[in-house]
Amino acid sequence: MKVEIERTEDGEVFFRIPDEYLADLKWQYADVIECIYNNDGSRTLRKSLVASPAD
């Protein structure tokens, strides 16, 4: 999946994950997502074991 990297007015970088991917992954808004940097230059995103602020 490729997504556009966006910036907030404050310069914070973010991207949007399409709803169909969120549903497939069983992720929800406000879940804590970890970014893992792989040795080949790619990145892996996974839902954190840390509770989201909404829990």
C-alpha atoms as a PDB file:
ATOM      1  CA  MET A   1       0.000   0.000   0.000  1.00  0.00           C
ATOM      2  CA  LYS A   2       1.263   3.478  -0.806  1.00  0.00           C
ATOM      3  CA  VAL A   3      -0.126   6.525   0.942  1.00  0.00           C
ATOM      4  CA  GLU A   4       0.549  10.242   0.737  1.00  0.00           C
ATOM      5  CA  ILE A   5       2.544  11.734   3.612  1.00  0.00           C
ATOM      6  CA  GLU A   6       0.832  14.880   4.892  1.00  0.00           C
ATOM      7  CA  ARG A   7       1.727  17.627   7.389  1.00  0.00           C
ATOM      8  CA  THR A   8      -0.382  19.428   9.946  1.00  0.00           C
ATOM      9  CA  GLU A   9      -0.262  23.221  10.228  1.00  0.00           C
ATOM     10  CA  ASP A  10       2.266  22.680  13.036  1.00  0.00           C
ATOM     11  CA  GLY A  11       4.514  20.609  10.747  1.00  0.00           C
ATOM     12  CA  GLU A  12       3.708  17.212  12.262  1.00  0.00           C
ATOM     13  CA  VAL A  13       3.937  14.427   9.672  1.00  0.00           C
ATOM     14  CA  PHE A  14       1.110  11.877   9.328  1.00  0.00           C
ATOM     15  CA  PHE A  15      -0.669   9.639   6.833  1.00  0.00           C
ATOM     16  CA  ARG A  16      -4.163   8.262   6.573  1.00  0.00           C
ATOM     17  CA  ILE A  17      -4.832   4.530   6.413  1.00  0.00           C
ATOM     18  CA  PRO A  18      -7.839   3.755   4.184  1.00  0.00           C
ATOM     19  CA  ASP A  19     -10.906   2.458   6.050  1.00  0.00           C
ATOM     20  CA  GLU A  20     -10.868  -0.917   4.256  1.00  0.00           C
ATOM     21  CA  TYR A  21      -7.345  -1.577   5.585  1.00  0.00           C
ATOM     22  CA  LEU A  22      -8.332  -0.520   9.099  1.00  0.00           C
ATOM     23  CA  ALA A  23     -11.250  -2.959   8.992  1.00  0.00           C
ATOM     24  CA  ASP A  24      -9.066  -5.816   7.695  1.00  0.00           C
ATOM     25  CA  LEU A  25      -6.446  -5.151  10.386  1.00  0.00           C
ATOM     26  CA  LYS A  26      -9.077  -4.659  13.117  1.00  0.00           C
ATOM     27  CA  TRP A  27      -7.468  -1.326  13.968  1.00  0.00           C
ATOM     28  CA  GLN A  28      -9.485   1.617  15.258  1.00  0.00           C
ATOM     29  CA  TYR A  29      -8.969   5.328  15.551  1.00  0.00           C
ATOM     30  CA  ALA A  30      -6.776   6.070  18.615  1.00  0.00           C
ATOM     31  CA  ASP A  31      -5.100   2.625  18.645  1.00  0.00           C
ATOM     32  CA  VAL A  32      -1.401   2.894  19.427  1.00  0.00           C
ATOM     33  CA  ILE A  33       0.581   1.828  16.341  1.00  0.00           C
ATOM     34  CA  GLU A  34       4.300   1.007  16.432  1.00  0.00           C
ATOM     35  CA  CYS A  35       6.640   1.712  13.526  1.00  0.00           C
ATOM     36  CA  ILE A  36       9.461  -0.808  13.201  1.00  0.00           C
ATOM     37  CA  TYR A  37      12.440   0.030  10.971  1.00  0.00           C
ATOM     38  CA  ASN A  38      13.545  -3.072   9.062  1.00  0.00           C
ATOM     39  CA  ASN A  39      17.122  -3.806   7.942  1.00  0.00           C
ATOM     40  CA  ASP A  40      16.129  -3.500   4.268  1.00  0.00           C
ATOM     41  CA  GLY A  41      14.952   0.106   4.611  1.00  0.00           C
ATOM     42  CA  SER A  42      11.254  -0.753   4.788  1.00  0.00           C
ATOM     43  CA  ARG A  43       9.018  -0.186   7.776  1.00  0.00           C
ATOM     44  CA  THR A  44       6.494  -2.407   9.499  1.00  0.00           C
ATOM     45  CA  LEU A  45       3.453  -1.003  11.305  1.00  0.00           C
ATOM     46  CA  ARG A  46       1.757  -3.041  14.008  1.00  0.00           C
ATOM     47  CA  LYS A  47      -0.764  -2.436  16.727  1.00  0.00           C
ATOM     48  CA  SER A  48       1.016  -1.907  20.035  1.00  0.00           C
ATOM     49  CA  LEU A  49       0.437  -4.035  23.087  1.00  0.00           C
ATOM     50  CA  VAL A  50       0.224  -0.739  24.999  1.00  0.00           C
ATOM     51  CA  ALA A  51      -3.400   0.215  25.663  1.00  0.00           C
ATOM     52  CA  SER A  52      -4.788   3.060  23.604  1.00  0.00           C
ATOM     53  CA  PRO A  53      -5.814   6.243  25.439  1.00  0.00           C
ATOM     54  CA  ALA A  54      -9.475   5.311  24.906  1.00  0.00           C
ATOM     55  CA  ASP A  55      -9.091   2.002  26.853  1.00  0.00           C
END
